[in-house]
Amino acid sequence: MTILKDLFQVFYPKICANCEQQLLQNETIICTFCRHDLPLTNFNCYSDNKIIKSFYGKVNIEFGNALLYYKKQGITKKLIHELKYKGNQQIGVLMGNWLGEIIKNNPSFAEIDFIIPVPLHPKKEKIRGYNQVSEFGKTISKHLNKPFLEGVLQRTSTSKTQTIKSRFERFNNNDTKFTTKNTNIIRNKHLLLVDDVITTGATLEACSKALQKTTEVKISILTMAYTA
């Protein structure tokens, strides 16, 4: 079995999702060199970080965190692109494991009741074949030992991806709408919203407002990346 595995690696070597060099036996998704180049936010060290501040005056957020900074050019952008458009869902698992290890001993996350992914519109999810946030959220749920809950939050409108919108459109993005279903399960609960990238925060703001229509719902936010 080991011989067959070794032969498979010869003809179909695993490559780094960023630099596209062949991965060593103990490396997964990205090589050690690229991993060291990842722009970590270290938001976990601050109770009042940039994510929380970005929602001041818009929606009540208990706390927020993100693993990486996202820039117009760089490794984070390439990884998110691989995840969203090339089907490499293991990137979501990698980031979920990394961030999960960072936050699992943070007392703030002990208060979470459910982990809820930002949903895609059903038409877009059918075309893509998956929600790029799902594996990330499921992996986080294992580290926190909290249930991953899909279906309660639903997207009712489609919109252009944030990456192709003009700067003006992104800051005036009021066209994305969400609704909730079977809300009794989340009543009086603390929900952790998970998404891929925070750009302006408009999507997460719309999600939070939809969820907070349910009595006494608290919202916290966790993402793979935050736009620098």
Protein backbone atom coordinates (compact mmCIF):
# COMPACT_ATOMS: atom_id res chain seq x y z
CA MET A 1 0.00 0.00 0.00
CA THR A 2 2.87 2.34 0.84
CA ILE A 3 4.52 1.58 -2.50
CA LEU A 4 1.32 2.45 -4.38
CA LYS A 5 1.03 5.68 -2.41
CA ASP A 6 4.62 6.60 -3.22
CA LEU A 7 4.07 5.89 -6.91
CA PHE A 8 0.93 8.06 -6.89
CA GLN A 9 2.95 10.90 -5.39
CA VAL A 10 5.53 10.55 -8.17
CA PHE A 11 2.98 10.88 -10.98
CA TYR A 12 0.51 13.17 -9.15
CA PRO A 13 2.56 15.19 -6.68
CA LYS A 14 0.80 17.51 -4.27
CA ILE A 15 1.77 21.12 -4.82
CA CYS A 16 1.63 24.24 -2.68
CA ALA A 17 -1.58 26.21 -3.27
CA ASN A 18 0.48 29.41 -3.35
CA CYS A 19 3.94 28.89 -4.90
CA GLU A 20 2.98 25.66 -6.72
CA GLN A 21 6.15 23.88 -5.62
CA GLN A 22 5.90 20.21 -4.68
CA LEU A 23 4.95 19.68 -1.05
CA LEU A 24 7.14 17.59 1.23
CA GLN A 25 5.69 14.54 2.94
CA ASN A 26 4.84 16.40 6.17
CA GLU A 27 3.34 19.46 4.43
CA THR A 28 -0.33 20.00 3.56
CA ILE A 29 -1.97 22.56 1.26
CA ILE A 30 0.86 25.10 1.50
CA CYS A 31 4.59 24.66 1.97
CA THR A 32 6.47 25.66 5.11
CA PHE A 33 8.00 28.73 3.43
CA CYS A 34 4.60 30.08 2.32
CA ARG A 35 3.09 29.31 5.72
CA HIS A 36 5.71 31.52 7.34
CA ASP A 37 4.79 34.33 4.94
CA LEU A 38 1.10 34.33 5.87
CA PRO A 39 0.07 37.73 7.31
CA LEU A 40 -1.44 36.75 10.66
CA THR A 41 -3.66 39.37 12.30
CA ASN A 42 -3.10 38.31 15.93
CA PHE A 43 -6.55 39.75 16.65
CA ASN A 44 -6.99 37.10 19.33
CA CYS A 45 -4.63 39.15 21.53
CA TYR A 46 -6.98 42.16 21.54
CA SER A 47 -10.50 42.33 22.96
CA ASP A 48 -11.21 45.53 21.03
CA ASN A 49 -9.71 44.77 17.61
CA LYS A 50 -10.33 46.17 14.12
CA ILE A 51 -13.22 43.81 13.39
CA ILE A 52 -15.21 44.91 16.41
CA LYS A 53 -14.46 48.58 15.68
CA SER A 54 -15.62 48.22 12.06
CA PHE A 55 -19.16 47.42 13.26
CA TYR A 56 -19.47 50.28 15.76
CA GLY A 57 -22.74 52.11 15.21
CA LYS A 58 -23.98 49.54 12.70
CA VAL A 59 -24.77 46.35 14.61
CA ASN A 60 -24.01 44.97 18.07
CA ILE A 61 -21.13 42.49 17.98
CA GLU A 62 -19.86 40.71 21.09
CA PHE A 63 -16.40 39.99 19.68
CA GLY A 64 -14.66 39.21 16.40
CA ASN A 65 -11.56 37.54 15.03
CA ALA A 66 -9.85 36.73 11.73
CA LEU A 67 -6.83 34.60 10.97
CA LEU A 68 -5.15 36.56 8.14
CA TYR A 69 -4.96 39.98 6.58
CA TYR A 70 -6.30 40.15 3.02
CA LYS A 71 -4.62 42.45 0.50
CA LYS A 72 -5.11 43.12 -3.21
CA GLN A 73 -1.99 41.13 -3.95
CA GLY A 74 -0.49 38.37 -1.87
CA ILE A 75 -0.77 34.87 -0.55
CA THR A 76 -4.10 35.31 1.27
CA LYS A 77 -5.85 36.44 -1.91
CA LYS A 78 -4.50 33.47 -3.83
CA LEU A 79 -5.59 30.99 -1.14
CA ILE A 80 -9.12 32.43 -0.96
CA HIS A 81 -9.34 32.34 -4.77
CA GLU A 82 -8.27 28.69 -4.78
CA LEU A 83 -10.92 27.94 -2.17
CA LYS A 84 -13.80 29.82 -3.80
CA TYR A 85 -13.25 29.23 -7.49
CA LYS A 86 -11.03 26.15 -7.87
CA GLY A 87 -12.72 23.80 -5.44
CA ASN A 88 -9.84 23.44 -3.00
CA GLN A 89 -11.97 23.10 0.12
CA GLN A 90 -9.02 21.79 2.10
CA ILE A 91 -7.91 25.42 2.40
CA GLY A 92 -10.98 26.01 4.56
CA VAL A 93 -10.01 23.02 6.69
CA LEU A 94 -6.43 24.29 7.01
CA MET A 95 -7.57 27.73 8.14
CA GLY A 96 -10.21 26.25 10.44
CA ASN A 97 -7.62 24.06 12.15
CA TRP A 98 -5.14 26.90 12.49
CA LEU A 99 -7.62 29.44 13.84
CA GLY A 100 -9.36 26.78 15.92
CA GLU A 101 -6.13 26.06 17.78
CA ILE A 102 -5.68 29.77 18.43
CA ILE A 103 -9.15 30.46 19.83
CA LYS A 104 -10.11 27.24 21.59
CA ASN A 105 -8.70 28.42 24.92
CA ASN A 106 -10.12 31.93 24.60
CA PRO A 107 -12.86 32.22 27.28
CA SER A 108 -14.98 34.43 24.99
CA PHE A 109 -15.56 31.52 22.63
CA ALA A 110 -16.74 29.27 25.47
CA GLU A 111 -19.97 31.31 25.48
CA ILE A 112 -20.88 30.32 21.88
CA ASP A 113 -24.00 28.18 21.39
CA PHE A 114 -24.02 27.68 17.60
CA ILE A 115 -21.71 28.28 14.64
CA ILE A 116 -23.56 29.62 11.59
CA PRO A 117 -22.03 30.05 8.11
CA VAL A 118 -22.82 33.01 5.88
CA PRO A 119 -24.92 31.28 3.19
CA LEU A 120 -24.66 31.50 -0.57
CA HIS A 121 -27.77 32.05 -2.66
CA PRO A 122 -29.09 28.55 -3.58
CA LYS A 123 -28.52 29.24 -7.30
CA LYS A 124 -24.90 30.24 -6.75
CA GLU A 125 -24.26 27.28 -4.45
CA LYS A 126 -25.72 24.92 -7.04
CA ILE A 127 -23.39 26.33 -9.69
CA ARG A 128 -20.31 26.27 -7.45
CA GLY A 129 -21.23 22.97 -5.87
CA TYR A 130 -20.39 24.00 -2.31
CA ASN A 131 -20.33 26.88 0.15
CA GLN A 132 -16.69 27.90 0.58
CA VAL A 133 -17.31 28.66 4.26
CA SER A 134 -18.75 25.26 5.23
CA GLU A 135 -15.55 23.28 5.79
CA PHE A 136 -14.02 26.20 7.67
CA GLY A 137 -17.07 26.42 9.96
CA LYS A 138 -17.28 22.67 10.51
CA THR A 139 -13.61 22.54 11.46
CA ILE A 140 -14.04 25.43 13.90
CA SER A 141 -17.03 23.63 15.44
CA LYS A 142 -14.83 20.60 16.20
CA HIS A 143 -12.22 22.73 17.97
CA LEU A 144 -14.82 24.59 20.02
CA ASN A 145 -17.06 21.56 20.46
CA LYS A 146 -20.07 23.63 19.39
CA PRO A 147 -22.79 22.65 16.88
CA PHE A 148 -22.47 23.80 13.26
CA LEU A 149 -25.91 25.01 12.18
CA GLU A 150 -26.91 25.45 8.54
CA GLY A 151 -30.32 26.42 7.19
CA VAL A 152 -31.42 28.92 9.84
CA LEU A 153 -29.86 31.83 7.95
CA GLN A 154 -30.76 32.02 4.25
CA ARG A 155 -29.74 34.39 1.46
CA THR A 156 -32.69 35.69 -0.55
CA SER A 157 -30.88 37.86 -3.10
CA THR A 158 -27.88 37.50 -5.36
CA SER A 159 -25.19 40.09 -5.84
CA LYS A 160 -21.90 40.50 -7.66
CA THR A 161 -18.89 39.17 -5.82
CA GLN A 162 -17.11 41.78 -3.71
CA THR A 163 -13.90 41.33 -5.71
CA ILE A 164 -15.40 42.66 -8.95
CA LYS A 165 -17.48 45.48 -7.51
CA SER A 166 -16.28 49.04 -7.74
CA ARG A 167 -15.12 50.70 -4.53
CA PHE A 168 -18.30 52.83 -4.49
CA GLU A 169 -20.52 49.76 -4.92
CA ARG A 170 -18.82 47.90 -2.10
CA PHE A 171 -19.38 50.75 0.37
CA ASN A 172 -22.99 51.07 -0.71
CA ASN A 173 -23.81 47.39 -0.83
CA ASN A 174 -27.40 47.24 0.36
CA ASP A 175 -28.63 44.73 -2.23
CA THR A 176 -27.76 41.56 -0.33
CA LYS A 177 -30.67 40.33 1.77
CA PHE A 178 -31.00 37.52 4.28
CA THR A 179 -33.88 35.90 6.11
CA THR A 180 -34.17 33.36 8.92
CA LYS A 181 -36.01 30.07 9.25
CA ASN A 182 -36.90 27.88 12.25
CA THR A 183 -35.62 30.54 14.64
CA ASN A 184 -36.83 28.92 17.86
CA ILE A 185 -33.56 27.01 18.08
CA ILE A 186 -31.50 30.23 18.19
CA ARG A 187 -33.69 32.23 20.54
CA ASN A 188 -31.66 33.60 23.47
CA LYS A 189 -28.47 32.09 22.02
CA HIS A 190 -24.97 33.38 21.25
CA LEU A 191 -24.18 32.79 17.57
CA LEU A 192 -20.79 32.72 15.90
CA LEU A 193 -21.09 33.89 12.28
CA VAL A 194 -18.32 32.52 10.04
CA ASP A 195 -17.31 33.86 6.62
CA ASP A 196 -14.31 33.94 4.31
CA VAL A 197 -13.30 37.61 4.03
CA ILE A 198 -14.46 40.84 5.65
CA THR A 199 -14.23 43.60 3.06
CA THR A 200 -16.61 46.38 4.12
CA GLY A 201 -18.56 44.24 6.57
CA ALA A 202 -21.83 44.87 4.70
CA THR A 203 -22.65 41.17 4.26
CA LEU A 204 -21.99 40.28 7.88
CA GLU A 205 -23.92 43.35 8.98
CA ALA A 206 -26.95 42.21 6.95
CA CYS A 207 -26.64 38.68 8.37
CA SER A 208 -26.40 39.97 11.93
CA LYS A 209 -29.45 42.21 11.56
CA ALA A 210 -31.49 39.33 10.15
CA LEU A 211 -30.49 37.06 13.05
CA GLN A 212 -31.00 39.73 15.69
CA LYS A 213 -34.67 40.02 14.78
CA THR A 214 -34.97 36.91 16.92
CA THR A 215 -35.31 37.69 20.63
CA GLU A 216 -32.10 38.12 22.63
CA VAL A 217 -29.67 36.80 20.02
CA LYS A 218 -26.01 37.68 20.52
CA ILE A 219 -23.64 37.77 17.54
CA SER A 220 -19.90 37.24 17.26
CA ILE A 221 -17.88 37.02 14.05
CA LEU A 222 -15.05 34.78 12.87
CA THR A 223 -13.50 34.91 9.40
CA MET A 224 -10.56 33.52 7.48
CA ALA A 225 -9.35 36.98 6.53
CA TYR A 226 -9.82 40.70 7.11
CA THR A 227 -9.13 43.29 4.42
CA ALA A 228 -6.18 45.43 5.46
